Amino acid sequence: MLDKRLLSMLVCPVSKAPLEYDRERSELVCRASGLAYPIRDGIPVMLESEARKLTAEEQLKTNKGSDFSNKQ
């Protein structure tokens, strides 16, 4: 599991928007930029070139499926 304190400090490097933690996929999701950043060995990989593009459906979802977000 990702530390809530770490998540509260991270933002999307592309849009600077808040991120949501998706435990099932082990990703940090940014709906604003439409990207999902992988978490490998407990370390978020915050590189645009490593991010997965969200589908249109994923981009529209709320954070109900995520464990927590850093939205304030």
C-alpha atoms as a PDB file:
ATOM      1  CA  MET A   1       0.000   0.000   0.000  1.00  0.00           C
ATOM      2  CA  LEU A   2       1.135   3.508  -0.750  1.00  0.00           C
ATOM      3  CA  ASP A   3       1.720   5.853   2.173  1.00  0.00           C
ATOM      4  CA  LYS A   4      -0.944   8.578   2.419  1.00  0.00           C
ATOM      5  CA  ARG A   5       1.718  11.149   3.304  1.00  0.00           C
ATOM      6  CA  LEU A   6       3.628  10.342   0.113  1.00  0.00           C
ATOM      7  CA  LEU A   7       0.474  10.608  -1.973  1.00  0.00           C
ATOM      8  CA  SER A   8      -0.333  13.981  -0.433  1.00  0.00           C
ATOM      9  CA  MET A   9       3.004  15.331  -1.709  1.00  0.00           C
ATOM     10  CA  LEU A  10       2.752  13.971  -5.259  1.00  0.00           C
ATOM     11  CA  VAL A  11       1.007  15.630  -8.179  1.00  0.00           C
ATOM     12  CA  CYS A  12       0.854  14.734 -11.841  1.00  0.00           C
ATOM     13  CA  PRO A  13       4.070  15.939 -13.520  1.00  0.00           C
ATOM     14  CA  VAL A  14       2.094  16.857 -16.653  1.00  0.00           C
ATOM     15  CA  SER A  15      -0.939  18.710 -15.292  1.00  0.00           C
ATOM     16  CA  LYS A  16       0.098  19.332 -11.655  1.00  0.00           C
ATOM     17  CA  ALA A  17      -3.328  17.947 -10.690  1.00  0.00           C
ATOM     18  CA  PRO A  18      -4.017  15.653  -7.713  1.00  0.00           C
ATOM     19  CA  LEU A  19      -3.549  11.896  -8.020  1.00  0.00           C
ATOM     20  CA  GLU A  20      -5.712   8.978  -6.942  1.00  0.00           C
ATOM     21  CA  TYR A  21      -4.278   5.668  -5.767  1.00  0.00           C
ATOM     22  CA  ASP A  22      -5.689   2.613  -7.546  1.00  0.00           C
ATOM     23  CA  ARG A  23      -4.666  -0.381  -5.444  1.00  0.00           C
ATOM     24  CA  GLU A  24      -6.050  -2.987  -7.870  1.00  0.00           C
ATOM     25  CA  ARG A  25      -3.856  -1.760 -10.732  1.00  0.00           C
ATOM     26  CA  SER A  26      -1.038  -0.452  -8.527  1.00  0.00           C
ATOM     27  CA  GLU A  27      -1.152   2.948 -10.202  1.00  0.00           C
ATOM     28  CA  LEU A  28      -1.463   6.627  -9.420  1.00  0.00           C
ATOM     29  CA  VAL A  29      -4.221   8.039 -11.607  1.00  0.00           C
ATOM     30  CA  CYS A  30      -4.537  11.593 -12.884  1.00  0.00           C
ATOM     31  CA  ARG A  31      -7.914  12.217 -14.500  1.00  0.00           C
ATOM     32  CA  ALA A  32      -6.904  15.749 -15.578  1.00  0.00           C
ATOM     33  CA  SER A  33      -4.101  14.517 -17.829  1.00  0.00           C
ATOM     34  CA  GLY A  34      -5.669  11.137 -18.544  1.00  0.00           C
ATOM     35  CA  LEU A  35      -2.592   9.243 -17.350  1.00  0.00           C
ATOM     36  CA  ALA A  36      -1.944   6.440 -14.865  1.00  0.00           C
ATOM     37  CA  TYR A  37       1.544   6.191 -13.395  1.00  0.00           C
ATOM     38  CA  PRO A  38       2.733   2.717 -12.360  1.00  0.00           C
ATOM     39  CA  ILE A  39       3.961   1.854  -8.891  1.00  0.00           C
ATOM     40  CA  ARG A  40       6.842  -0.619  -9.103  1.00  0.00           C
ATOM     41  CA  ASP A  41       8.291  -2.252  -6.003  1.00  0.00           C
ATOM     42  CA  GLY A  42       6.456   0.344  -3.907  1.00  0.00           C
ATOM     43  CA  ILE A  43       7.960   3.274  -5.826  1.00  0.00           C
ATOM     44  CA  PRO A  44       5.771   5.557  -7.988  1.00  0.00           C
ATOM     45  CA  VAL A  45       7.246   5.959 -11.478  1.00  0.00           C
ATOM     46  CA  MET A  46       6.303   9.552 -12.265  1.00  0.00           C
ATOM     47  CA  LEU A  47       7.514   9.656 -15.861  1.00  0.00           C
ATOM     48  CA  GLU A  48       5.107  10.564 -18.639  1.00  0.00           C
ATOM     49  CA  SER A  49       6.846   8.056 -20.924  1.00  0.00           C
ATOM     50  CA  GLU A  50       6.054   5.244 -18.438  1.00  0.00           C
ATOM     51  CA  ALA A  51       2.421   6.267 -17.849  1.00  0.00           C
ATOM     52  CA  ARG A  52      -0.553   4.420 -19.270  1.00  0.00           C
ATOM     53  CA  LYS A  53      -3.223   6.415 -21.136  1.00  0.00           C
ATOM     54  CA  LEU A  54      -6.605   6.181 -19.442  1.00  0.00           C
ATOM     55  CA  THR A  55      -9.560   5.023 -21.480  1.00  0.00           C
ATOM     56  CA  ALA A  56     -12.403   7.522 -21.948  1.00  0.00           C
ATOM     57  CA  GLU A  57     -14.466   5.538 -19.434  1.00  0.00           C
ATOM     58  CA  GLU A  58     -11.660   5.560 -16.846  1.00  0.00           C
ATOM     59  CA  GLN A  59     -11.167   9.289 -17.254  1.00  0.00           C
ATOM     60  CA  LEU A  60     -14.817   9.974 -16.434  1.00  0.00           C
ATOM     61  CA  LYS A  61     -14.945   7.815 -13.293  1.00  0.00           C
ATOM     62  CA  THR A  62     -14.933   9.385  -9.871  1.00  0.00           C
ATOM     63  CA  ASN A  63     -12.472   8.283  -7.232  1.00  0.00           C
ATOM     64  CA  LYS A  64     -14.957   5.725  -5.790  1.00  0.00           C
ATOM     65  CA  GLY A  65     -12.747   2.847  -6.891  1.00  0.00           C
ATOM     66  CA  SER A  66      -9.568   4.286  -5.466  1.00  0.00           C
ATOM     67  CA  ASP A  67      -8.290   3.756  -1.957  1.00  0.00           C
ATOM     68  CA  PHE A  68      -7.656   7.424  -1.363  1.00  0.00           C
ATOM     69  CA  SER A  69      -6.770  10.544  -3.210  1.00  0.00           C
ATOM     70  CA  ASN A  70      -4.825  13.653  -2.379  1.00  0.00           C
ATOM     71  CA  LYS A  71      -7.679  15.956  -3.330  1.00  0.00           C
ATOM     72  CA  GLN A  72      -8.212  18.529  -0.628  1.00  0.00           C
END
